[in-house]
Amino acid sequence: MLPIKNLTLAGHGGSTGHPEACRGVFSGGMDGATSFDVSIGENLGGQLTNNMHVGCFSSKAISVDYMPFTDKNGNKIKVSDDPQLIYDNLLADVVTGDPNDVPPETLRRRRVLESLQENLDLLQANSLNVKQQGKLMQHEEALNYYQNLLNNSLNVGTGTYSRPTIGMTDNDEDAELIAQAQMRNIAMAFEANITRTATFQFMGAQDESVRINFESIRDRMGDFGFDPKLYWNETRSHVSSHNESDLFNTQTFWYNLMIAYLMDELAARPDNAYGGTLLDNTLILVMSEVGGGNHQMDNPGTYVAGGAGAAIRTGNAIDAGGAGMSNLYWDISNAFGLGWGNYGNSFGGINGFQV
């Protein structure tokens, strides 16, 4: 684990408003550009998809302006909050069944997709405006995904895969179970090498939908850990964050409990491609679109975790010396050997980040 202090979001997408920050902080300070997760996912790839986006009540965002991730066509990515849907779409058909026994239904679906792909190629030969081209690219990506799936030549190893026991519910009390199920989905997708890049979104920016008052943290919540304050409005994360109270510190502890859960899942699974465990070779970036409860842009609470293939330092915090968030993105890309000249508004790296 490596905490990073004295970063700044100013000049790197930072803003005193959530929507403006969501348009720039995750895109290297370039308003509305492709966000970092999509950019790095295109380089790292995976057997089925470049990156996966999962969440926990992120669908409660006020509008797409409060969603942080942007695809390469400039569209906001609507994150799926349903762990069972994620599993069914990405894992269910891949990790079950005999790869040498292709049922007739699969062959028929494959032929249909091949025909659709041919028709798409004909459409792309026509003169289209930018918006039409963007839509075609999205359709093409979806078709390529399903063709890869139906080709049935994936090597997913002999891992332990199981469908989540919980889907998306309307009960905010279930948020902890949903978050854990999504973390397991990420770990399973990495183990199967379905993707090498994933994002997890805790609810929507400026979220008011979920109370962070789970049993796992109630012994730390003081008066808010039991009735009548247990269900007061202050137990909603966005409200308590502006108070910058001890309660918000406890809620932040819960967020990190979920990150620790992901780390445990990764540590328990082998990395079939590079050796060791998945945690040994994964980098987890933990951050937000704003720097603190009152939307500060300096010294945001940011850290990385995981071994990252021994490409970065771990242990004591490092001082970014006022470097921007984009510089950290650029350093991460270099740690994975991508050789980018820069990223967004970056102007160099952060001293002490890479080994």
Protein backbone atom coordinates (compact mmCIF):
# COMPACT_ATOMS: atom_id res chain seq x y z
CA MET A 1 0.00 0.00 0.00
CA LEU A 2 1.25 3.49 -0.86
CA PRO A 3 -0.49 6.67 0.34
CA ILE A 4 0.26 9.79 -1.71
CA LYS A 5 0.06 13.20 -0.06
CA ASN A 6 0.13 16.72 -1.49
CA LEU A 7 -1.38 15.85 -4.86
CA THR A 8 -3.59 18.48 -6.45
CA LEU A 9 -6.67 18.31 -8.65
CA ALA A 10 -6.35 22.01 -9.56
CA GLY A 11 -5.49 22.28 -13.25
CA HIS A 12 -6.14 18.57 -13.61
CA GLY A 13 -9.91 18.54 -13.78
CA GLY A 14 -10.52 19.78 -10.26
CA SER A 15 -13.60 21.83 -9.51
CA THR A 16 -15.75 22.88 -6.58
CA GLY A 17 -18.69 21.14 -8.28
CA HIS A 18 -19.19 17.39 -8.65
CA PRO A 19 -20.37 17.38 -12.31
CA GLU A 20 -17.48 19.54 -13.51
CA ALA A 21 -15.00 17.41 -11.58
CA CYS A 22 -16.49 14.22 -13.02
CA ARG A 23 -15.86 15.59 -16.52
CA GLY A 24 -12.17 16.24 -15.92
CA VAL A 25 -10.52 14.62 -12.90
CA PHE A 26 -10.69 11.09 -14.34
CA SER A 27 -9.71 12.31 -17.81
CA GLY A 28 -6.37 13.89 -17.04
CA GLY A 29 -7.84 17.36 -16.74
CA MET A 30 -9.30 17.24 -20.26
CA ASP A 31 -12.97 18.11 -19.87
CA GLY A 32 -15.14 15.27 -21.19
CA ALA A 33 -12.25 13.28 -22.68
CA THR A 34 -11.85 9.51 -22.42
CA SER A 35 -11.28 8.64 -18.77
CA PHE A 36 -8.10 6.98 -17.57
CA ASP A 37 -9.62 3.56 -16.91
CA VAL A 38 -10.80 3.29 -20.53
CA SER A 39 -7.47 4.53 -21.89
CA ILE A 40 -5.39 2.08 -19.90
CA GLY A 41 -7.86 -0.76 -20.52
CA GLU A 42 -7.45 -0.41 -24.28
CA ASN A 43 -3.73 -0.97 -23.85
CA LEU A 44 -3.87 -3.84 -21.35
CA GLY A 45 -6.83 -5.63 -22.93
CA GLY A 46 -8.24 -8.98 -21.92
CA GLN A 47 -9.67 -12.08 -23.55
CA LEU A 48 -13.21 -10.70 -23.83
CA THR A 49 -13.30 -7.03 -22.95
CA ASN A 50 -10.86 -4.18 -22.44
CA ASN A 51 -12.36 -3.12 -19.14
CA MET A 52 -15.39 -3.71 -16.94
CA HIS A 53 -17.34 -1.16 -14.92
CA VAL A 54 -19.21 -2.22 -11.82
CA GLY A 55 -20.74 -0.27 -8.97
CA CYS A 56 -22.82 -0.21 -5.84
CA PHE A 57 -25.90 2.04 -6.07
CA SER A 58 -24.12 4.19 -8.68
CA SER A 59 -27.38 4.18 -10.65
CA LYS A 60 -28.78 6.55 -8.02
CA ALA A 61 -26.68 9.37 -9.49
CA ILE A 62 -28.68 12.53 -10.13
CA SER A 63 -27.76 12.44 -13.82
CA VAL A 64 -25.01 11.16 -16.11
CA ASP A 65 -23.09 14.34 -15.28
CA TYR A 66 -22.45 12.77 -11.88
CA MET A 67 -20.87 9.66 -13.40
CA PRO A 68 -17.07 9.86 -13.58
CA PHE A 69 -16.14 7.51 -16.44
CA THR A 70 -16.23 8.43 -20.13
CA ASP A 71 -15.81 6.15 -23.13
CA LYS A 72 -13.70 6.91 -26.18
CA ASN A 73 -16.72 8.37 -27.99
CA GLY A 74 -17.26 10.97 -25.27
CA ASN A 75 -20.25 9.22 -23.73
CA LYS A 76 -20.69 8.75 -19.99
CA ILE A 77 -20.49 5.11 -18.89
CA LYS A 78 -23.51 3.92 -16.95
CA VAL A 79 -22.09 1.50 -14.42
CA SER A 80 -23.98 -1.72 -13.66
CA ASP A 81 -24.89 -2.12 -9.99
CA ASP A 82 -26.28 -5.65 -10.30
CA PRO A 83 -23.66 -8.29 -9.36
CA GLN A 84 -25.72 -11.13 -10.84
CA LEU A 85 -26.10 -9.31 -14.16
CA ILE A 86 -22.34 -8.68 -14.32
CA TYR A 87 -21.65 -12.36 -13.67
CA ASP A 88 -24.22 -13.55 -16.21
CA ASN A 89 -22.91 -11.21 -18.93
CA LEU A 90 -19.18 -11.77 -18.42
CA LEU A 91 -18.57 -15.04 -16.63
CA ALA A 92 -21.48 -17.48 -16.77
CA ASP A 93 -21.03 -18.70 -20.36
CA VAL A 94 -17.24 -18.68 -20.11
CA VAL A 95 -16.50 -20.63 -16.95
CA THR A 96 -19.10 -23.38 -17.36
CA GLY A 97 -19.60 -26.16 -19.88
CA ASP A 98 -17.32 -28.29 -22.06
CA PRO A 99 -15.29 -26.08 -24.42
CA ASN A 100 -15.07 -28.96 -26.94
CA ASP A 101 -18.83 -29.51 -27.09
CA VAL A 102 -20.39 -26.67 -29.08
CA PRO A 103 -24.21 -26.94 -29.05
CA PRO A 104 -26.17 -26.24 -32.27
CA GLU A 105 -27.74 -23.15 -30.69
CA THR A 106 -24.30 -21.65 -30.21
CA LEU A 107 -23.34 -22.35 -33.82
CA ARG A 108 -26.52 -20.65 -35.04
CA ARG A 109 -25.86 -17.60 -32.85
CA ARG A 110 -22.31 -17.48 -34.16
CA ARG A 111 -23.49 -17.44 -37.77
CA VAL A 112 -25.97 -14.66 -36.98
CA LEU A 113 -23.24 -12.54 -35.40
CA GLU A 114 -20.94 -13.13 -38.36
CA SER A 115 -23.69 -11.92 -40.71
CA LEU A 116 -24.30 -8.86 -38.55
CA GLN A 117 -20.58 -8.10 -38.60
CA GLU A 118 -20.55 -8.25 -42.40
CA ASN A 119 -23.52 -5.86 -42.58
CA LEU A 120 -21.76 -3.51 -40.16
CA ASP A 121 -18.70 -3.44 -42.41
CA LEU A 122 -20.92 -2.44 -45.34
CA LEU A 123 -22.49 0.37 -43.29
CA GLN A 124 -19.09 1.71 -42.27
CA ALA A 125 -18.17 2.07 -45.93
CA ASN A 126 -20.82 4.79 -46.26
CA SER A 127 -20.27 8.45 -45.44
CA LEU A 128 -21.49 9.02 -41.88
CA ASN A 129 -21.41 11.96 -39.52
CA VAL A 130 -19.40 11.83 -36.28
CA LYS A 131 -22.34 10.85 -34.08
CA GLN A 132 -23.35 8.02 -36.41
CA GLN A 133 -19.77 6.77 -36.52
CA GLY A 134 -19.65 6.75 -32.73
CA LYS A 135 -22.78 4.63 -32.52
CA LEU A 136 -21.40 2.19 -35.09
CA MET A 137 -18.20 1.85 -33.08
CA GLN A 138 -20.23 0.97 -29.99
CA HIS A 139 -22.17 -1.67 -31.94
CA GLU A 140 -18.94 -3.04 -33.35
CA GLU A 141 -17.40 -3.38 -29.90
CA ALA A 142 -20.47 -5.28 -28.68
CA LEU A 143 -20.38 -7.61 -31.69
CA ASN A 144 -16.66 -8.25 -31.26
CA TYR A 145 -17.24 -9.13 -27.61
CA TYR A 146 -19.93 -11.68 -28.42
CA GLN A 147 -17.94 -13.14 -31.29
CA ASN A 148 -15.03 -13.71 -28.91
CA LEU A 149 -17.42 -15.33 -26.47
CA LEU A 150 -18.94 -17.64 -29.07
CA ASN A 151 -15.58 -18.62 -30.53
CA ASN A 152 -15.22 -20.61 -27.32
CA SER A 153 -11.43 -20.66 -27.35
CA LEU A 154 -10.88 -18.95 -24.02
CA ASN A 155 -8.42 -20.27 -21.48
CA VAL A 156 -9.87 -19.44 -18.08
CA GLY A 157 -7.82 -21.88 -16.04
CA THR A 158 -9.30 -23.93 -13.22
CA GLY A 159 -10.35 -21.14 -10.90
CA THR A 160 -13.19 -20.99 -8.42
CA TYR A 161 -16.17 -19.16 -9.91
CA SER A 162 -19.61 -18.76 -8.40
CA ARG A 163 -22.65 -16.68 -9.25
CA PRO A 164 -23.35 -13.93 -6.68
CA THR A 165 -26.14 -14.72 -4.27
CA ILE A 166 -27.38 -11.13 -4.32
CA GLY A 167 -28.44 -8.83 -7.14
CA MET A 168 -29.27 -5.16 -7.09
CA THR A 169 -31.99 -4.35 -4.54
CA ASP A 170 -33.88 -1.29 -3.39
CA ASN A 171 -32.64 -1.73 0.18
CA ASP A 172 -29.67 0.43 1.07
CA GLU A 173 -28.96 -2.01 3.92
CA ASP A 174 -27.79 -4.41 1.20
CA ALA A 175 -25.08 -2.07 -0.11
CA GLU A 176 -22.30 -3.85 1.76
CA LEU A 177 -23.28 -7.26 0.37
CA ILE A 178 -23.62 -5.80 -3.13
CA ALA A 179 -20.20 -4.14 -2.90
CA GLN A 180 -18.58 -7.40 -1.77
CA ALA A 181 -20.27 -9.34 -4.56
CA GLN A 182 -18.96 -6.84 -7.12
CA MET A 183 -15.46 -7.13 -5.68
CA ARG A 184 -15.66 -10.91 -6.16
CA ASN A 185 -16.82 -10.36 -9.75
CA ILE A 186 -13.72 -8.26 -10.41
CA ALA A 187 -11.43 -10.89 -8.90
CA MET A 188 -13.08 -13.70 -10.89
CA ALA A 189 -12.85 -11.71 -14.14
CA PHE A 190 -9.15 -11.07 -13.52
CA GLU A 191 -8.49 -14.72 -12.72
CA ALA A 192 -10.22 -15.81 -15.93
CA ASN A 193 -8.32 -13.06 -17.82
CA ILE A 194 -11.64 -11.84 -19.21
CA THR A 195 -10.30 -8.35 -18.59
CA ARG A 196 -7.26 -6.79 -16.96
CA THR A 197 -8.88 -3.47 -16.08
CA ALA A 198 -11.88 -2.82 -13.85
CA THR A 199 -13.44 0.14 -12.11
CA PHE A 200 -15.64 0.10 -9.04
CA GLN A 201 -17.84 3.10 -8.30
CA PHE A 202 -19.20 3.65 -4.80
CA MET A 203 -22.58 5.17 -5.61
CA GLY A 204 -22.92 8.38 -7.62
CA ALA A 205 -21.14 11.66 -7.06
CA GLN A 206 -23.05 13.86 -4.58
CA ASP A 207 -24.97 10.73 -3.64
CA GLU A 208 -27.79 10.88 -1.11
CA SER A 209 -29.28 7.42 -1.63
CA VAL A 210 -27.46 5.14 0.81
CA ARG A 211 -26.88 5.41 4.53
CA ILE A 212 -23.40 4.27 5.52
CA ASN A 213 -24.39 2.74 8.84
CA PHE A 214 -23.65 -0.95 8.40
CA GLU A 215 -23.17 -3.33 11.31
CA SER A 216 -19.50 -3.70 10.40
CA ILE A 217 -18.81 -0.09 11.49
CA ARG A 218 -21.46 0.70 14.11
CA ASP A 219 -19.05 0.24 16.98
CA ARG A 220 -17.10 3.20 15.52
CA MET A 221 -20.07 5.49 14.84
CA GLY A 222 -20.55 6.90 18.36
CA ASP A 223 -24.09 8.20 18.94
CA PHE A 224 -24.91 7.47 15.31
CA GLY A 225 -24.30 3.74 15.81
CA PHE A 226 -27.71 3.09 17.37
CA ASP A 227 -31.25 4.49 17.47
CA PRO A 228 -32.45 7.16 17.11
CA LYS A 229 -29.47 8.67 15.26
CA LEU A 230 -28.73 5.48 13.30
CA TYR A 231 -31.22 6.55 10.63
CA TRP A 232 -30.72 10.30 10.75
CA ASN A 233 -29.85 12.07 7.52
CA GLU A 234 -26.28 12.59 8.76
CA THR A 235 -25.56 8.91 8.19
CA ARG A 236 -25.74 9.52 4.43
CA SER A 237 -22.21 9.81 3.12
CA HIS A 238 -22.53 13.08 1.24
CA VAL A 239 -24.13 14.89 4.18
CA SER A 240 -21.55 13.74 6.70
CA SER A 241 -18.67 14.49 4.33
CA HIS A 242 -19.48 18.21 4.38
CA ASN A 243 -19.38 18.13 8.17
CA GLU A 244 -15.92 16.49 8.02
CA SER A 245 -16.85 14.76 11.24
CA ASP A 246 -15.73 11.67 13.11
CA LEU A 247 -18.76 9.99 11.56
CA PHE A 248 -17.41 10.67 8.07
CA ASN A 249 -14.04 9.24 9.13
CA THR A 250 -15.86 6.07 10.13
CA GLN A 251 -17.70 5.94 6.82
CA THR A 252 -14.40 6.38 5.00
CA PHE A 253 -13.16 3.43 7.05
CA TRP A 254 -16.06 1.39 5.60
CA TYR A 255 -15.09 2.30 2.05
CA ASN A 256 -11.61 1.06 2.78
CA LEU A 257 -13.00 -2.13 4.31
CA MET A 258 -14.48 -2.88 0.89
CA ILE A 259 -11.12 -2.20 -0.77
CA ALA A 260 -9.53 -4.59 1.73
CA TYR A 261 -12.16 -7.17 0.77
CA LEU A 262 -11.11 -6.85 -2.88
CA MET A 263 -7.47 -7.22 -1.89
CA ASP A 264 -8.27 -10.41 0.03
CA GLU A 265 -10.12 -11.81 -2.99
CA LEU A 266 -7.19 -11.02 -5.28
CA ALA A 267 -4.67 -12.44 -2.81
CA ALA A 268 -6.60 -15.72 -2.64
CA ARG A 269 -6.47 -16.28 -6.42
CA PRO A 270 -3.45 -17.30 -8.52
CA ASP A 271 -2.26 -15.19 -11.44
CA ASN A 272 -2.10 -17.82 -14.18
CA ALA A 273 -0.43 -15.46 -16.63
CA TYR A 274 2.36 -13.91 -14.53
CA GLY A 275 2.74 -16.13 -11.47
CA GLY A 276 2.13 -15.35 -7.83
CA THR A 277 -1.29 -14.06 -6.85
CA LEU A 278 -3.49 -11.57 -8.62
CA LEU A 279 -2.79 -9.08 -5.84
CA ASP A 280 0.94 -9.37 -6.53
CA ASN A 281 0.41 -8.08 -10.07
CA THR A 282 -2.52 -5.70 -9.66
CA LEU A 283 -2.52 -1.98 -8.92
CA ILE A 284 -5.58 -0.57 -7.16
CA LEU A 285 -6.07 3.20 -7.31
CA VAL A 286 -8.41 4.65 -4.65
CA MET A 287 -9.60 8.22 -5.20
CA SER A 288 -12.57 10.54 -5.59
CA GLU A 289 -13.63 13.34 -7.92
CA VAL A 290 -13.24 15.93 -5.15
CA GLY A 291 -10.47 16.38 -2.65
CA GLY A 292 -12.48 16.36 0.56
CA GLY A 293 -15.79 17.03 2.25
CA ASN A 294 -15.75 20.69 1.25
CA HIS A 295 -14.56 20.07 -2.30
CA GLN A 296 -10.92 20.97 -1.73
CA MET A 297 -8.63 20.48 -4.69
CA ASP A 298 -5.36 20.07 -2.79
CA ASN A 299 -4.12 17.02 -0.92
CA PRO A 300 -7.01 14.69 -1.81
CA GLY A 301 -7.16 11.36 -0.02
CA THR A 302 -5.46 9.15 -2.61
CA TYR A 303 -3.57 5.88 -2.35
CA VAL A 304 -2.62 2.86 -4.39
CA ALA A 305 -2.56 -0.74 -3.23
CA GLY A 306 -1.43 -4.09 -4.57
CA GLY A 307 1.95 -5.33 -5.74
CA ALA A 308 1.75 -3.94 -9.30
CA GLY A 309 4.31 -6.52 -10.39
CA ALA A 310 6.90 -4.86 -8.11
CA ALA A 311 6.95 -1.82 -10.44
CA ILE A 312 6.07 0.73 -7.75
CA ARG A 313 7.12 1.55 -4.22
CA THR A 314 5.07 0.35 -1.30
CA GLY A 315 5.14 1.27 2.37
CA ASN A 316 5.57 4.80 3.66
CA ALA A 317 3.62 7.67 2.12
CA ILE A 318 5.30 9.71 -0.60
CA ASP A 319 5.02 13.46 -1.07
CA ALA A 320 3.80 14.47 -4.53
CA GLY A 321 5.00 18.02 -3.89
CA GLY A 322 1.94 19.61 -5.49
CA ALA A 323 2.05 17.49 -8.65
CA GLY A 324 -1.29 17.00 -10.40
CA MET A 325 -3.51 13.94 -10.57
CA SER A 326 -2.64 13.54 -14.24
CA ASN A 327 0.99 13.00 -13.26
CA LEU A 328 -0.04 10.03 -11.13
CA TYR A 329 -1.99 8.57 -14.06
CA TRP A 330 1.08 8.97 -16.26
CA ASP A 331 3.25 7.25 -13.65
CA ILE A 332 0.79 4.35 -13.44
CA SER A 333 0.88 3.92 -17.22
CA ASN A 334 4.68 3.80 -17.10
CA ALA A 335 4.58 1.24 -14.28
CA PHE A 336 2.68 -1.01 -16.68
CA GLY A 337 5.22 -0.38 -19.44
CA LEU A 338 2.90 1.50 -21.78
CA GLY A 339 5.40 4.19 -22.71
CA TRP A 340 2.97 7.08 -23.00
CA GLY A 341 4.68 10.42 -23.60
CA ASN A 342 2.21 12.11 -21.28
CA TYR A 343 -1.38 11.81 -20.12
CA GLY A 344 -3.84 14.70 -20.20
CA ASN A 345 -2.30 17.68 -18.43
CA SER A 346 0.59 15.74 -16.92
CA PHE A 347 4.01 17.39 -16.92
CA GLY A 348 6.08 14.56 -15.46
CA GLY A 349 5.96 11.89 -12.84
CA ILE A 350 5.88 11.83 -9.03
CA ASN A 351 9.20 11.38 -7.28
CA GLY A 352 9.39 8.08 -5.44
CA PHE A 353 6.38 6.42 -7.06
CA GLN A 354 8.12 3.96 -9.36
CA VAL A 355 10.88 1.64 -8.23
